[in-house]
Amino acid sequence: MLSISGIVKVKKDTEQITEKFKKREFVVTDASGNYPQDILFQLTQDRTSLLDDINVNDAVNVTFNLRGREWTNPQGEVKYFNSLDVWRLEKSQGGGTPTPPDIMPASADSAETLVDEGDDDLPF
């Protein structure tokens, strides 16, 4: 089991895939690293209702399993797919929109120290 916290970016409607199988997808933005990541999760069967009380821009904690499967297409080519199957979804105390990580702009002085006027093998 894995877990992640983030902000709900996209909330889709429930899809009835077959007579016995339904799923619901949503996207969570994880801004904990240097670059925000938009991650697609899926809820299946009875768990599709876990998203009912969650809104876009809500802060959530997602607990999920990483699932993988192999599929052979009609031409005989083997493909692999991954899915993030959610088994617990809870609102967290955060809220609001995700904020990007703090990045200090480089000053002119620090940029000069990065440039070496000596020999280099770069073509430009």
N, C-alpha and C. Protein backbone atom coordinates (compact mmCIF):
# COMPACT_ATOMS: atom_id res chain seq x y z
N MET A 1 0.84 -1.18 0.00
CA MET A 1 0.00 0.00 0.00
C MET A 1 0.88 1.24 0.00
N LEU A 2 0.46 2.21 -0.76
CA LEU A 2 1.15 3.49 -0.86
C LEU A 2 0.17 4.59 -0.50
N SER A 3 0.68 5.75 -0.14
CA SER A 3 -0.21 6.88 0.12
C SER A 3 0.46 8.16 -0.33
N ILE A 4 -0.37 9.15 -0.61
CA ILE A 4 0.09 10.44 -1.09
C ILE A 4 -0.93 11.49 -0.68
N SER A 5 -0.47 12.71 -0.50
CA SER A 5 -1.35 13.83 -0.20
C SER A 5 -1.23 14.84 -1.34
N GLY A 6 -2.32 15.50 -1.63
CA GLY A 6 -2.30 16.49 -2.69
C GLY A 6 -3.64 17.19 -2.81
N ILE A 7 -3.79 17.90 -3.92
CA ILE A 7 -5.00 18.68 -4.20
C ILE A 7 -5.73 18.06 -5.38
N VAL A 8 -7.05 17.87 -5.25
CA VAL A 8 -7.84 17.30 -6.34
C VAL A 8 -7.90 18.33 -7.47
N LYS A 9 -7.46 17.91 -8.64
CA LYS A 9 -7.44 18.78 -9.82
C LYS A 9 -8.61 18.46 -10.76
N VAL A 10 -8.90 17.17 -10.94
CA VAL A 10 -9.96 16.72 -11.85
C VAL A 10 -10.77 15.65 -11.14
N LYS A 11 -12.08 15.73 -11.32
CA LYS A 11 -13.00 14.74 -10.74
C LYS A 11 -13.95 14.30 -11.86
N LYS A 12 -13.85 13.04 -12.27
CA LYS A 12 -14.67 12.54 -13.37
C LYS A 12 -15.90 11.81 -12.85
N ASP A 13 -16.86 11.63 -13.73
CA ASP A 13 -18.07 10.88 -13.41
C ASP A 13 -17.77 9.38 -13.42
N THR A 14 -18.64 8.62 -12.78
CA THR A 14 -18.52 7.16 -12.77
C THR A 14 -18.83 6.63 -14.15
N GLU A 15 -18.00 5.68 -14.62
CA GLU A 15 -18.21 5.02 -15.91
C GLU A 15 -18.60 3.57 -15.66
N GLN A 16 -19.66 3.12 -16.32
CA GLN A 16 -20.06 1.72 -16.26
C GLN A 16 -19.35 1.02 -17.41
N ILE A 17 -18.27 0.31 -17.13
CA ILE A 17 -17.44 -0.31 -18.16
C ILE A 17 -18.10 -1.57 -18.72
N THR A 18 -18.54 -2.45 -17.84
CA THR A 18 -19.31 -3.63 -18.24
C THR A 18 -20.51 -3.70 -17.31
N GLU A 19 -21.34 -4.71 -17.50
CA GLU A 19 -22.51 -4.87 -16.64
C GLU A 19 -22.11 -5.01 -15.17
N LYS A 20 -20.96 -5.62 -14.92
CA LYS A 20 -20.53 -5.89 -13.54
C LYS A 20 -19.37 -5.04 -13.06
N PHE A 21 -18.86 -4.14 -13.90
CA PHE A 21 -17.69 -3.37 -13.49
C PHE A 21 -17.88 -1.89 -13.79
N LYS A 22 -17.61 -1.05 -12.75
CA LYS A 22 -17.65 0.40 -12.93
C LYS A 22 -16.42 1.01 -12.29
N LYS A 23 -16.02 2.17 -12.81
CA LYS A 23 -14.87 2.87 -12.25
C LYS A 23 -15.08 4.37 -12.32
N ARG A 24 -14.29 5.07 -11.52
CA ARG A 24 -14.34 6.53 -11.48
C ARG A 24 -12.91 7.03 -11.32
N GLU A 25 -12.51 7.98 -12.14
CA GLU A 25 -11.15 8.49 -12.11
C GLU A 25 -11.10 9.91 -11.57
N PHE A 26 -9.96 10.25 -10.98
CA PHE A 26 -9.71 11.60 -10.54
C PHE A 26 -8.22 11.86 -10.56
N VAL A 27 -7.85 13.14 -10.61
CA VAL A 27 -6.45 13.53 -10.68
C VAL A 27 -6.11 14.34 -9.43
N VAL A 28 -4.98 14.01 -8.83
CA VAL A 28 -4.47 14.72 -7.66
C VAL A 28 -3.13 15.35 -8.04
N THR A 29 -2.96 16.63 -7.69
CA THR A 29 -1.68 17.29 -7.90
C THR A 29 -0.85 17.17 -6.64
N ASP A 30 0.32 16.55 -6.81
CA ASP A 30 1.29 16.40 -5.72
C ASP A 30 2.35 17.47 -5.92
N ALA A 31 2.39 18.47 -5.05
CA ALA A 31 3.35 19.58 -5.16
C ALA A 31 4.48 19.44 -4.15
N SER A 32 4.73 18.23 -3.65
CA SER A 32 5.74 18.06 -2.61
C SER A 32 7.16 18.09 -3.15
N GLY A 33 7.36 17.83 -4.42
CA GLY A 33 8.70 17.81 -5.00
C GLY A 33 9.04 19.12 -5.67
N ASN A 34 10.10 19.09 -6.46
CA ASN A 34 10.52 20.30 -7.18
C ASN A 34 9.53 20.69 -8.26
N TYR A 35 8.86 19.70 -8.84
CA TYR A 35 7.92 19.95 -9.92
C TYR A 35 6.59 19.28 -9.57
N PRO A 36 5.48 20.02 -9.63
CA PRO A 36 4.18 19.41 -9.33
C PRO A 36 3.88 18.26 -10.30
N GLN A 37 3.29 17.20 -9.77
CA GLN A 37 2.93 16.04 -10.56
C GLN A 37 1.43 15.84 -10.52
N ASP A 38 0.79 15.70 -11.68
CA ASP A 38 -0.63 15.40 -11.77
C ASP A 38 -0.77 13.89 -11.93
N ILE A 39 -1.39 13.25 -10.94
CA ILE A 39 -1.43 11.79 -10.87
C ILE A 39 -2.87 11.31 -11.00
N LEU A 40 -3.09 10.39 -11.95
CA LEU A 40 -4.42 9.82 -12.20
C LEU A 40 -4.64 8.60 -11.31
N PHE A 41 -5.75 8.62 -10.56
CA PHE A 41 -6.14 7.50 -9.71
C PHE A 41 -7.48 6.98 -10.19
N GLN A 42 -7.80 5.73 -9.79
CA GLN A 42 -9.11 5.19 -10.10
C GLN A 42 -9.74 4.54 -8.88
N LEU A 43 -11.04 4.70 -8.79
CA LEU A 43 -11.87 4.02 -7.80
C LEU A 43 -12.71 3.01 -8.56
N THR A 44 -12.92 1.83 -7.98
CA THR A 44 -13.72 0.82 -8.67
C THR A 44 -14.85 0.32 -7.77
N GLN A 45 -15.87 -0.18 -8.45
CA GLN A 45 -17.03 -0.78 -7.82
C GLN A 45 -17.65 0.11 -6.74
N ASP A 46 -17.82 -0.39 -5.53
CA ASP A 46 -18.47 0.37 -4.45
C ASP A 46 -17.64 1.58 -4.01
N ARG A 47 -16.36 1.55 -4.27
CA ARG A 47 -15.50 2.66 -3.84
C ARG A 47 -15.69 3.92 -4.69
N THR A 48 -16.41 3.84 -5.81
CA THR A 48 -16.62 5.03 -6.64
C THR A 48 -17.33 6.14 -5.85
N SER A 49 -18.08 5.78 -4.84
CA SER A 49 -18.81 6.77 -4.05
C SER A 49 -17.89 7.54 -3.09
N LEU A 50 -16.65 7.08 -2.88
CA LEU A 50 -15.73 7.79 -1.99
C LEU A 50 -15.44 9.21 -2.49
N LEU A 51 -15.63 9.44 -3.78
CA LEU A 51 -15.35 10.74 -4.36
C LEU A 51 -16.54 11.70 -4.29
N ASP A 52 -17.70 11.20 -3.88
CA ASP A 52 -18.92 12.03 -3.87
C ASP A 52 -18.78 13.29 -3.03
N ASP A 53 -18.18 13.21 -1.86
CA ASP A 53 -18.09 14.37 -0.96
C ASP A 53 -16.79 15.15 -1.12
N ILE A 54 -16.02 14.84 -2.15
CA ILE A 54 -14.76 15.52 -2.42
C ILE A 54 -14.98 16.46 -3.60
N ASN A 55 -14.44 17.67 -3.50
CA ASN A 55 -14.56 18.66 -4.57
C ASN A 55 -13.20 18.99 -5.17
N VAL A 56 -13.21 19.52 -6.39
CA VAL A 56 -11.98 20.02 -6.99
C VAL A 56 -11.39 21.08 -6.07
N ASN A 57 -10.09 21.09 -5.91
CA ASN A 57 -9.31 21.97 -5.03
C ASN A 57 -9.31 21.54 -3.56
N ASP A 58 -9.98 20.44 -3.22
CA ASP A 58 -9.89 19.91 -1.86
C ASP A 58 -8.54 19.23 -1.66
N ALA A 59 -7.97 19.40 -0.48
CA ALA A 59 -6.75 18.68 -0.11
C ALA A 59 -7.18 17.29 0.35
N VAL A 60 -6.49 16.25 -0.15
CA VAL A 60 -6.87 14.88 0.17
C VAL A 60 -5.65 14.04 0.50
N ASN A 61 -5.91 12.96 1.23
CA ASN A 61 -4.94 11.88 1.45
C ASN A 61 -5.48 10.67 0.70
N VAL A 62 -4.64 10.09 -0.16
CA VAL A 62 -5.05 8.96 -0.98
C VAL A 62 -4.19 7.75 -0.60
N THR A 63 -4.84 6.64 -0.28
CA THR A 63 -4.14 5.39 -0.03
C THR A 63 -4.51 4.45 -1.16
N PHE A 64 -3.51 3.85 -1.80
CA PHE A 64 -3.76 3.11 -3.03
C PHE A 64 -2.79 1.95 -3.20
N ASN A 65 -3.15 1.07 -4.12
CA ASN A 65 -2.29 -0.05 -4.53
C ASN A 65 -1.86 0.20 -5.97
N LEU A 66 -0.61 -0.09 -6.26
CA LEU A 66 -0.10 -0.03 -7.63
C LEU A 66 -0.36 -1.37 -8.28
N ARG A 67 -1.10 -1.34 -9.40
CA ARG A 67 -1.46 -2.57 -10.08
C ARG A 67 -0.89 -2.54 -11.50
N GLY A 68 -0.45 -3.67 -11.99
CA GLY A 68 0.07 -3.78 -13.35
C GLY A 68 -0.50 -5.00 -14.04
N ARG A 69 -0.61 -4.92 -15.36
CA ARG A 69 -1.13 -6.06 -16.10
C ARG A 69 -0.57 -6.09 -17.52
N GLU A 70 -0.57 -7.26 -18.08
CA GLU A 70 -0.12 -7.48 -19.45
C GLU A 70 -1.33 -7.69 -20.34
N TRP A 71 -1.26 -7.16 -21.57
CA TRP A 71 -2.35 -7.33 -22.53
C TRP A 71 -1.75 -7.54 -23.91
N THR A 72 -2.28 -8.47 -24.65
CA THR A 72 -1.83 -8.71 -26.02
C THR A 72 -2.91 -8.21 -26.97
N ASN A 73 -2.54 -7.29 -27.87
CA ASN A 73 -3.52 -6.73 -28.80
C ASN A 73 -3.79 -7.72 -29.94
N PRO A 74 -4.79 -7.45 -30.78
CA PRO A 74 -5.13 -8.40 -31.86
C PRO A 74 -3.97 -8.67 -32.83
N GLN A 75 -3.01 -7.75 -32.93
CA GLN A 75 -1.86 -7.95 -33.81
C GLN A 75 -0.76 -8.78 -33.14
N GLY A 76 -0.98 -9.20 -31.90
CA GLY A 76 -0.03 -10.02 -31.18
C GLY A 76 1.02 -9.23 -30.41
N GLU A 77 0.91 -7.92 -30.39
CA GLU A 77 1.86 -7.07 -29.67
C GLU A 77 1.50 -7.03 -28.18
N VAL A 78 2.48 -7.27 -27.34
CA VAL A 78 2.26 -7.28 -25.89
C VAL A 78 2.43 -5.87 -25.35
N LYS A 79 1.46 -5.43 -24.56
CA LYS A 79 1.50 -4.11 -23.94
C LYS A 79 1.34 -4.30 -22.43
N TYR A 80 1.85 -3.31 -21.67
CA TYR A 80 1.74 -3.33 -20.22
C TYR A 80 1.07 -2.07 -19.74
N PHE A 81 0.20 -2.21 -18.75
CA PHE A 81 -0.54 -1.09 -18.20
C PHE A 81 -0.40 -1.06 -16.69
N ASN A 82 -0.41 0.14 -16.14
CA ASN A 82 -0.40 0.33 -14.69
C ASN A 82 -1.65 1.08 -14.28
N SER A 83 -2.11 0.85 -13.08
CA SER A 83 -3.21 1.64 -12.52
C SER A 83 -2.96 1.84 -11.04
N LEU A 84 -3.46 2.93 -10.54
CA LEU A 84 -3.38 3.26 -9.11
C LEU A 84 -4.78 3.10 -8.55
N ASP A 85 -5.03 1.96 -7.92
CA ASP A 85 -6.35 1.62 -7.40
C ASP A 85 -6.50 2.10 -5.96
N VAL A 86 -7.39 3.04 -5.76
CA VAL A 86 -7.60 3.66 -4.45
C VAL A 86 -8.47 2.77 -3.58
N TRP A 87 -8.07 2.63 -2.33
CA TRP A 87 -8.93 1.92 -1.38
C TRP A 87 -9.32 2.81 -0.21
N ARG A 88 -8.65 3.97 -0.04
CA ARG A 88 -9.06 4.93 0.98
C ARG A 88 -8.82 6.34 0.43
N LEU A 89 -9.81 7.22 0.63
CA LEU A 89 -9.72 8.62 0.19
C LEU A 89 -10.33 9.49 1.27
N GLU A 90 -9.50 10.40 1.80
CA GLU A 90 -9.96 11.26 2.90
C GLU A 90 -9.57 12.71 2.64
N LYS A 91 -10.44 13.62 3.04
CA LYS A 91 -10.08 15.03 3.01
C LYS A 91 -9.01 15.26 4.06
N SER A 92 -8.05 16.12 3.75
CA SER A 92 -7.03 16.45 4.74
C SER A 92 -7.25 17.87 5.22
N GLN A 93 -6.49 18.29 6.20
CA GLN A 93 -6.67 19.61 6.81
C GLN A 93 -6.12 20.74 5.96
N GLY A 94 -5.33 20.43 4.91
CA GLY A 94 -4.72 21.46 4.06
C GLY A 94 -5.76 22.37 3.42
N GLY A 95 -6.10 22.12 2.20
CA GLY A 95 -7.10 22.89 1.48
C GLY A 95 -6.46 23.95 0.60
N GLY A 96 -7.27 24.52 -0.28
CA GLY A 96 -6.77 25.56 -1.17
C GLY A 96 -6.07 24.99 -2.38
N THR A 97 -5.42 25.85 -3.10
CA THR A 97 -4.72 25.43 -4.30
C THR A 97 -3.28 25.09 -3.98
N PRO A 98 -2.69 24.20 -4.75
CA PRO A 98 -1.31 23.82 -4.48
C PRO A 98 -0.36 24.98 -4.73
N THR A 99 0.67 25.06 -3.94
CA THR A 99 1.66 26.11 -4.15
C THR A 99 2.94 25.47 -4.65
N PRO A 100 3.58 26.12 -5.63
CA PRO A 100 4.82 25.55 -6.14
C PRO A 100 5.91 25.65 -5.10
N PRO A 101 6.93 24.81 -5.22
CA PRO A 101 8.02 24.89 -4.25
C PRO A 101 8.75 26.23 -4.37
N ASP A 102 9.40 26.64 -3.28
CA ASP A 102 10.14 27.90 -3.31
C ASP A 102 11.38 27.74 -4.17
N ILE A 103 11.52 28.63 -5.14
CA ILE A 103 12.69 28.64 -5.99
C ILE A 103 13.26 30.04 -5.96
N MET A 104 14.50 30.15 -5.53
CA MET A 104 15.14 31.45 -5.44
C MET A 104 15.65 31.86 -6.83
N PRO A 105 15.25 33.04 -7.32
CA PRO A 105 15.80 33.47 -8.60
C PRO A 105 17.29 33.77 -8.44
N ALA A 106 18.03 33.46 -9.47
CA ALA A 106 19.47 33.71 -9.42
C ALA A 106 19.73 35.20 -9.60
N SER A 107 20.61 35.73 -8.79
CA SER A 107 20.99 37.14 -8.94
C SER A 107 22.04 37.25 -10.03
N ALA A 108 22.29 38.45 -10.51
CA ALA A 108 23.31 38.68 -11.53
C ALA A 108 24.67 38.24 -11.01
N ASP A 109 24.95 38.48 -9.73
CA ASP A 109 26.24 38.09 -9.16
C ASP A 109 26.44 36.58 -9.19
N SER A 110 25.38 35.82 -8.81
CA SER A 110 25.52 34.37 -8.78
C SER A 110 25.60 33.81 -10.19
N ALA A 111 24.95 34.45 -11.16
CA ALA A 111 25.01 33.98 -12.53
C ALA A 111 26.43 34.15 -13.07
N GLU A 112 27.10 35.23 -12.67
CA GLU A 112 28.47 35.45 -13.14
C GLU A 112 29.41 34.40 -12.60
N THR A 113 29.18 33.93 -11.40
CA THR A 113 30.07 32.92 -10.84
C THR A 113 29.87 31.57 -11.51
N LEU A 114 28.73 31.35 -12.15
CA LEU A 114 28.48 30.10 -12.84
C LEU A 114 29.11 30.06 -14.22
N VAL A 115 29.43 31.22 -14.78
CA VAL A 115 29.99 31.29 -16.12
C VAL A 115 31.51 31.28 -16.02
N ASP A 116 32.12 30.33 -16.66
CA ASP A 116 33.58 30.24 -16.70
C ASP A 116 34.03 30.68 -18.07
N GLU A 117 34.78 31.74 -18.12
CA GLU A 117 35.23 32.29 -19.39
C GLU A 117 36.37 31.49 -19.99
N GLY A 118 36.82 30.47 -19.30
CA GLY A 118 37.95 29.68 -19.77
C GLY A 118 37.56 28.78 -20.92
N ASP A 119 38.47 27.86 -21.26
CA ASP A 119 38.23 26.93 -22.37
C ASP A 119 37.08 26.00 -22.02
N ASP A 120 36.20 25.81 -22.98
CA ASP A 120 35.18 24.80 -22.84
C ASP A 120 34.97 24.15 -24.21
N ASP A 121 34.32 23.06 -24.23
CA ASP A 121 34.13 22.35 -25.49
C ASP A 121 32.70 22.47 -26.01
N LEU A 122 31.94 23.42 -25.50
CA LEU A 122 30.59 23.64 -25.97
C LEU A 122 30.62 24.37 -27.31
N PRO A 123 29.78 24.00 -28.25
CA PRO A 123 29.81 24.61 -29.58
C PRO A 123 29.14 25.98 -29.66
N PHE A 124 28.69 26.51 -28.57
CA PHE A 124 28.00 27.82 -28.60
C PHE A 124 28.49 28.72 -27.52
